[in-house]
Amino acid sequence: MSTTAKSVLVVEDDAPVSEAICARLREHGYDVQAVATFAMARAAKNASRFDVAVLDVQLPDGNGLDLLPLPVPSLVLTVFDDEATWYRALVRGANGYLVKPEGIATIANAIGDLLAGGSPISPRIARWLLDDFRAAARMPPTADVESLTAREQAVVEYFATGATYAEIARAMGIT
C-alpha cells in the first residue's frame, strides 16, 4: 500500500498501545506524531499539519472527543463501545470509530479507508447504527403532509426531486 508519507496524529495515553499503533502505521509508510495528553493534542492540532487523526477518548487531562471536529479525517480508537460514546463521537465529526483491541490490528487499513473517503466502523457499532437507522425508518412521519397547503406540498415535491431553491422559485413563478 503506497501512502506517499501521509502524516497521522495519534492521541493515545497508554504507552504500549500508542507504540503498537505507531509501529503498525510506520510499517505501512505513514509519518506518525504521537501525543499522550489532551493538552498535547490541542497544541498539535493548532501547530502541526497532519492528514489524519487517531483519537483515544479517555485521556489523563481531558476527553479526546472534545478535540472534534477536526479539519482532517478523524478516527476514534477506544475501549468504549457504548452507544452514548460512539454517538457523541460521530455527531461531533469523527469519520470512523474502532474499538480496541481489534481496531489496533486494522489501524493501517482504517487510515487508508479514511484517506480514500471511507468511514471505518467496528462491526458491533455498525450493527447498532443499522438497527437505529431501521428503527427510524419504521417511525411514522412527524409532519402530516395533508396539513400542508397545495403550494407547500409542491415545494416539498420539488425538494424531493433534488431541485435547488432557484429552480423551485423559477418553476413556481416566485421572484
C-alpha atoms as a PDB file:
ATOM      1  CA  MET A   1       0.000   0.000   0.000  1.00  0.00           C
ATOM      2  CA  SER A   2       1.520   3.292  -1.059  1.00  0.00           C
ATOM      3  CA  THR A   3       0.709   6.162   1.265  1.00  0.00           C
ATOM      4  CA  THR A   4       3.176   8.805  -0.014  1.00  0.00           C
ATOM      5  CA  ALA A   5       4.138   9.619   3.585  1.00  0.00           C
ATOM      6  CA  LYS A   6       0.772  10.796   4.843  1.00  0.00           C
ATOM      7  CA  SER A   7       1.002  12.225   8.339  1.00  0.00           C
ATOM      8  CA  VAL A   8      -1.024  10.761  11.205  1.00  0.00           C
ATOM      9  CA  LEU A   9      -1.550  12.339  14.620  1.00  0.00           C
ATOM     10  CA  VAL A  10      -2.040   9.619  17.239  1.00  0.00           C
ATOM     11  CA  VAL A  11      -3.592  10.739  20.531  1.00  0.00           C
ATOM     12  CA  GLU A  12      -3.180   7.850  22.981  1.00  0.00           C
ATOM     13  CA  ASP A  13      -2.132   7.927  26.638  1.00  0.00           C
ATOM     14  CA  ASP A  14      -1.396   4.203  27.089  1.00  0.00           C
ATOM     15  CA  ALA A  15       2.281   3.955  26.058  1.00  0.00           C
ATOM     16  CA  PRO A  16       2.272   0.284  24.915  1.00  0.00           C
ATOM     17  CA  VAL A  17      -0.916   0.852  22.895  1.00  0.00           C
ATOM     18  CA  SER A  18       0.479   4.046  21.377  1.00  0.00           C
ATOM     19  CA  GLU A  19       3.705   2.250  20.452  1.00  0.00           C
ATOM     20  CA  ALA A  20       1.752  -0.602  18.822  1.00  0.00           C
ATOM     21  CA  ILE A  21      -0.390   1.812  16.799  1.00  0.00           C
ATOM     22  CA  CYS A  22       2.597   3.898  15.710  1.00  0.00           C
ATOM     23  CA  ALA A  23       4.663   0.826  14.772  1.00  0.00           C
ATOM     24  CA  ARG A  24       1.836  -0.584  12.652  1.00  0.00           C
ATOM     25  CA  LEU A  25       1.338   2.739  10.886  1.00  0.00           C
ATOM     26  CA  ARG A  26       5.055   3.224  10.261  1.00  0.00           C
ATOM     27  CA  GLU A  27       5.233  -0.300   8.779  1.00  0.00           C
ATOM     28  CA  HIS A  28       2.734   0.945   6.205  1.00  0.00           C
ATOM     29  CA  GLY A  29       4.725   4.082   5.389  1.00  0.00           C
ATOM     30  CA  TYR A  30       2.887   6.653   7.447  1.00  0.00           C
ATOM     31  CA  ASP A  31       4.662   9.548   9.171  1.00  0.00           C
ATOM     32  CA  VAL A  32       3.409   9.413  12.763  1.00  0.00           C
ATOM     33  CA  GLN A  33       3.311  12.012  15.530  1.00  0.00           C
ATOM     34  CA  ALA A  34       2.146  10.613  18.885  1.00  0.00           C
ATOM     35  CA  VAL A  35       0.935  12.621  21.864  1.00  0.00           C
ATOM     36  CA  ALA A  36      -0.313  11.319  25.214  1.00  0.00           C
ATOM     37  CA  THR A  37      -2.465  14.088  26.695  1.00  0.00           C
ATOM     38  CA  PHE A  38      -5.354  16.326  25.755  1.00  0.00           C
ATOM     39  CA  ALA A  39      -3.177  19.427  26.147  1.00  0.00           C
ATOM     40  CA  MET A  40      -0.501  17.997  23.849  1.00  0.00           C
ATOM     41  CA  ALA A  41      -3.177  17.026  21.312  1.00  0.00           C
ATOM     42  CA  ARG A  42      -4.676  20.511  21.355  1.00  0.00           C
ATOM     43  CA  ALA A  43      -1.216  22.026  20.833  1.00  0.00           C
ATOM     44  CA  ALA A  44      -0.514  19.599  17.972  1.00  0.00           C
ATOM     45  CA  LYS A  45      -3.929  20.371  16.460  1.00  0.00           C
ATOM     46  CA  ASN A  46      -3.050  24.058  16.385  1.00  0.00           C
ATOM     47  CA  ALA A  47       0.640  23.808  15.449  1.00  0.00           C
ATOM     48  CA  SER A  48       1.076  20.733  13.287  1.00  0.00           C
ATOM     49  CA  ARG A  49      -0.048  19.721   9.875  1.00  0.00           C
ATOM     50  CA  PHE A  50      -1.347  16.185   9.641  1.00  0.00           C
ATOM     51  CA  ASP A  51      -3.592  14.322   7.204  1.00  0.00           C
ATOM     52  CA  VAL A  52      -5.484  12.091   9.663  1.00  0.00           C
ATOM     53  CA  ALA A  53      -6.028  11.953  13.420  1.00  0.00           C
ATOM     54  CA  VAL A  54      -6.494   8.892  15.631  1.00  0.00           C
ATOM     55  CA  LEU A  55      -8.106   9.820  18.940  1.00  0.00           C
ATOM     56  CA  ASP A  56      -8.474   7.963  22.206  1.00  0.00           C
ATOM     57  CA  VAL A  57     -11.425   9.050  24.326  1.00  0.00           C
ATOM     58  CA  GLN A  58     -10.217   8.925  27.916  1.00  0.00           C
ATOM     59  CA  LEU A  59      -7.037  10.937  28.394  1.00  0.00           C
ATOM     60  CA  PRO A  60      -5.447  11.877  31.727  1.00  0.00           C
ATOM     61  CA  ASP A  61      -6.368  15.545  31.352  1.00  0.00           C
ATOM     62  CA  GLY A  62      -9.492  15.516  29.196  1.00  0.00           C
ATOM     63  CA  ASN A  63     -11.725  13.787  26.709  1.00  0.00           C
ATOM     64  CA  GLY A  64     -10.355  13.194  23.216  1.00  0.00           C
ATOM     65  CA  LEU A  65     -13.813  13.806  21.745  1.00  0.00           C
ATOM     66  CA  ASP A  66     -13.507  17.440  22.821  1.00  0.00           C
ATOM     67  CA  LEU A  67     -10.879  17.845  20.088  1.00  0.00           C
ATOM     68  CA  LEU A  68     -13.605  17.294  17.489  1.00  0.00           C
ATOM     69  CA  PRO A  69     -14.374  18.479  14.933  1.00  0.00           C
ATOM     70  CA  LEU A  70     -11.003  18.431  13.211  1.00  0.00           C
ATOM     71  CA  PRO A  71     -10.140  19.850   9.777  1.00  0.00           C
ATOM     72  CA  VAL A  72      -8.913  16.404   8.685  1.00  0.00           C
ATOM     73  CA  PRO A  73     -10.493  12.934   8.767  1.00  0.00           C
ATOM     74  CA  SER A  74     -10.523  11.574  12.303  1.00  0.00           C
ATOM     75  CA  LEU A  75     -10.805   8.087  13.716  1.00  0.00           C
ATOM     76  CA  VAL A  76     -11.770   7.361  17.312  1.00  0.00           C
ATOM     77  CA  LEU A  77      -9.927   4.301  18.637  1.00  0.00           C
ATOM     78  CA  THR A  78     -11.080   3.452  22.147  1.00  0.00           C
ATOM     79  CA  VAL A  79     -12.192   0.748  24.568  1.00  0.00           C
ATOM     80  CA  PHE A  80     -15.614   2.399  24.870  1.00  0.00           C
ATOM     81  CA  ASP A  81     -18.248   0.653  22.776  1.00  0.00           C
ATOM     82  CA  ASP A  82     -21.328   2.149  24.427  1.00  0.00           C
ATOM     83  CA  GLU A  83     -23.881   3.977  22.322  1.00  0.00           C
ATOM     84  CA  ALA A  84     -23.526   7.296  24.145  1.00  0.00           C
ATOM     85  CA  THR A  85     -19.801   7.496  23.397  1.00  0.00           C
ATOM     86  CA  TRP A  86     -19.830   6.444  19.742  1.00  0.00           C
ATOM     87  CA  TYR A  87     -22.898   8.566  19.079  1.00  0.00           C
ATOM     88  CA  ARG A  88     -21.196  11.632  20.576  1.00  0.00           C
ATOM     89  CA  ALA A  89     -18.037  10.933  18.555  1.00  0.00           C
ATOM     90  CA  LEU A  90     -19.891  10.628  15.251  1.00  0.00           C
ATOM     91  CA  VAL A  91     -22.127  13.638  15.890  1.00  0.00           C
ATOM     92  CA  ARG A  92     -19.094  15.759  16.806  1.00  0.00           C
ATOM     93  CA  GLY A  93     -17.416  14.903  13.497  1.00  0.00           C
ATOM     94  CA  ALA A  94     -15.451  11.661  13.801  1.00  0.00           C
ATOM     95  CA  ASN A  95     -15.245   9.915  10.439  1.00  0.00           C
ATOM     96  CA  GLY A  96     -14.736   6.471  11.935  1.00  0.00           C
ATOM     97  CA  TYR A  97     -14.951   4.576  15.209  1.00  0.00           C
ATOM     98  CA  LEU A  98     -12.986   1.457  16.102  1.00  0.00           C
ATOM     99  CA  VAL A  99     -12.990  -0.438  19.367  1.00  0.00           C
ATOM    100  CA  LYS A 100      -9.772  -1.711  20.952  1.00  0.00           C
ATOM    101  CA  PRO A 101      -8.108  -4.119  20.784  1.00  0.00           C
ATOM    102  CA  GLU A 102      -9.473  -5.250  17.391  1.00  0.00           C
ATOM    103  CA  GLY A 103      -9.068  -1.764  15.946  1.00  0.00           C
ATOM    104  CA  ILE A 104      -5.328  -1.760  16.595  1.00  0.00           C
ATOM    105  CA  ALA A 105      -4.807  -4.724  14.269  1.00  0.00           C
ATOM    106  CA  THR A 106      -6.668  -2.984  11.433  1.00  0.00           C
ATOM    107  CA  ILE A 107      -5.483   0.580  12.042  1.00  0.00           C
ATOM    108  CA  ALA A 108      -3.386   0.915   8.868  1.00  0.00           C
ATOM    109  CA  ASN A 109      -6.268  -0.260   6.667  1.00  0.00           C
ATOM    110  CA  ALA A 110      -8.632   2.046   8.556  1.00  0.00           C
ATOM    111  CA  ILE A 111      -6.372   5.043   7.902  1.00  0.00           C
ATOM    112  CA  GLY A 112      -6.228   4.094   4.224  1.00  0.00           C
ATOM    113  CA  ASP A 113     -10.027   3.911   4.168  1.00  0.00           C
ATOM    114  CA  LEU A 114     -10.287   7.353   5.789  1.00  0.00           C
ATOM    115  CA  LEU A 115      -7.910   8.879   3.261  1.00  0.00           C
ATOM    116  CA  ALA A 116      -9.980   7.317   0.454  1.00  0.00           C
ATOM    117  CA  GLY A 117     -13.164   8.893   1.830  1.00  0.00           C
ATOM    118  CA  GLY A 118     -14.422   5.883   3.795  1.00  0.00           C
ATOM    119  CA  SER A 119     -15.648   5.567   7.362  1.00  0.00           C
ATOM    120  CA  PRO A 120     -14.215   2.553   9.173  1.00  0.00           C
ATOM    121  CA  ILE A 121     -16.503   1.420  11.965  1.00  0.00           C
ATOM    122  CA  SER A 122     -16.245  -1.608  14.245  1.00  0.00           C
ATOM    123  CA  PRO A 123     -18.782  -4.282  13.269  1.00  0.00           C
ATOM    124  CA  ARG A 124     -20.681  -4.063  16.556  1.00  0.00           C
ATOM    125  CA  ILE A 125     -21.046  -0.286  16.210  1.00  0.00           C
ATOM    126  CA  ALA A 126     -22.111  -0.697  12.576  1.00  0.00           C
ATOM    127  CA  ARG A 127     -24.834  -3.122  13.679  1.00  0.00           C
ATOM    128  CA  TRP A 128     -26.144  -0.601  16.217  1.00  0.00           C
ATOM    129  CA  LEU A 129     -26.145   2.114  13.559  1.00  0.00           C
ATOM    130  CA  LEU A 130     -28.085  -0.108  11.175  1.00  0.00           C
ATOM    131  CA  ASP A 131     -30.576  -1.024  13.888  1.00  0.00           C
ATOM    132  CA  ASP A 132     -31.070   2.670  14.744  1.00  0.00           C
ATOM    133  CA  PHE A 133     -31.460   3.547  11.058  1.00  0.00           C
ATOM    134  CA  ARG A 134     -34.036   0.803  10.526  1.00  0.00           C
ATOM    135  CA  ALA A 135     -35.957   1.815  13.652  1.00  0.00           C
ATOM    136  CA  ALA A 136     -36.059   5.423  12.455  1.00  0.00           C
ATOM    137  CA  ALA A 137     -37.270   4.300   9.026  1.00  0.00           C
ATOM    138  CA  ARG A 138     -40.209   2.489  10.663  1.00  0.00           C
ATOM    139  CA  MET A 139     -41.261   5.569  12.649  1.00  0.00           C
ATOM    140  CA  PRO A 140     -44.325   7.417  11.415  1.00  0.00           C
ATOM    141  CA  PRO A 141     -43.639  10.799   9.828  1.00  0.00           C
ATOM    142  CA  THR A 142     -43.704  13.670  12.297  1.00  0.00           C
ATOM    143  CA  ALA A 143     -45.457  16.081   9.952  1.00  0.00           C
ATOM    144  CA  ASP A 144     -48.777  15.344   8.295  1.00  0.00           C
ATOM    145  CA  VAL A 145     -48.287  16.152   4.604  1.00  0.00           C
ATOM    146  CA  GLU A 146     -52.042  16.603   4.172  1.00  0.00           C
ATOM    147  CA  SER A 147     -51.917  19.568   6.567  1.00  0.00           C
ATOM    148  CA  LEU A 148     -49.701  21.470   4.123  1.00  0.00           C
ATOM    149  CA  THR A 149     -51.221  23.842   1.595  1.00  0.00           C
ATOM    150  CA  ALA A 150     -51.101  22.820  -2.052  1.00  0.00           C
ATOM    151  CA  ARG A 151     -48.294  25.315  -2.654  1.00  0.00           C
ATOM    152  CA  GLU A 152     -46.280  23.963   0.311  1.00  0.00           C
ATOM    153  CA  GLN A 153     -46.788  20.407  -0.958  1.00  0.00           C
ATOM    154  CA  ALA A 154     -45.489  21.492  -4.379  1.00  0.00           C
ATOM    155  CA  VAL A 155     -42.341  22.937  -2.775  1.00  0.00           C
ATOM    156  CA  VAL A 156     -41.775  19.691  -0.855  1.00  0.00           C
ATOM    157  CA  GLU A 157     -42.218  17.688  -4.068  1.00  0.00           C
ATOM    158  CA  TYR A 158     -39.647  19.877  -5.836  1.00  0.00           C
ATOM    159  CA  PHE A 159     -37.175  19.370  -2.970  1.00  0.00           C
ATOM    160  CA  ALA A 160     -37.780  15.618  -3.158  1.00  0.00           C
ATOM    161  CA  THR A 161     -36.612  15.656  -6.761  1.00  0.00           C
ATOM    162  CA  GLY A 162     -33.403  17.458  -5.787  1.00  0.00           C
ATOM    163  CA  ALA A 163     -34.367  20.874  -7.130  1.00  0.00           C
ATOM    164  CA  THR A 164     -32.476  23.908  -5.833  1.00  0.00           C
ATOM    165  CA  TYR A 165     -34.108  26.974  -4.279  1.00  0.00           C
ATOM    166  CA  ALA A 166     -33.571  28.905  -7.509  1.00  0.00           C
ATOM    167  CA  GLU A 167     -35.106  26.132  -9.631  1.00  0.00           C
ATOM    168  CA  ILE A 168     -38.134  25.900  -7.355  1.00  0.00           C
ATOM    169  CA  ALA A 169     -38.614  29.659  -7.371  1.00  0.00           C
ATOM    170  CA  ARG A 170     -38.385  29.730 -11.164  1.00  0.00           C
ATOM    171  CA  ALA A 171     -40.804  26.813 -11.576  1.00  0.00           C
ATOM    172  CA  MET A 172     -43.323  28.354  -9.171  1.00  0.00           C
ATOM    173  CA  GLY A 173     -43.034  31.883 -10.533  1.00  0.00           C
ATOM    174  CA  ILE A 174     -41.511  33.335  -7.380  1.00  0.00           C
ATOM    175  CA  THR A 175     -39.263  36.333  -7.857  1.00  0.00           C
END
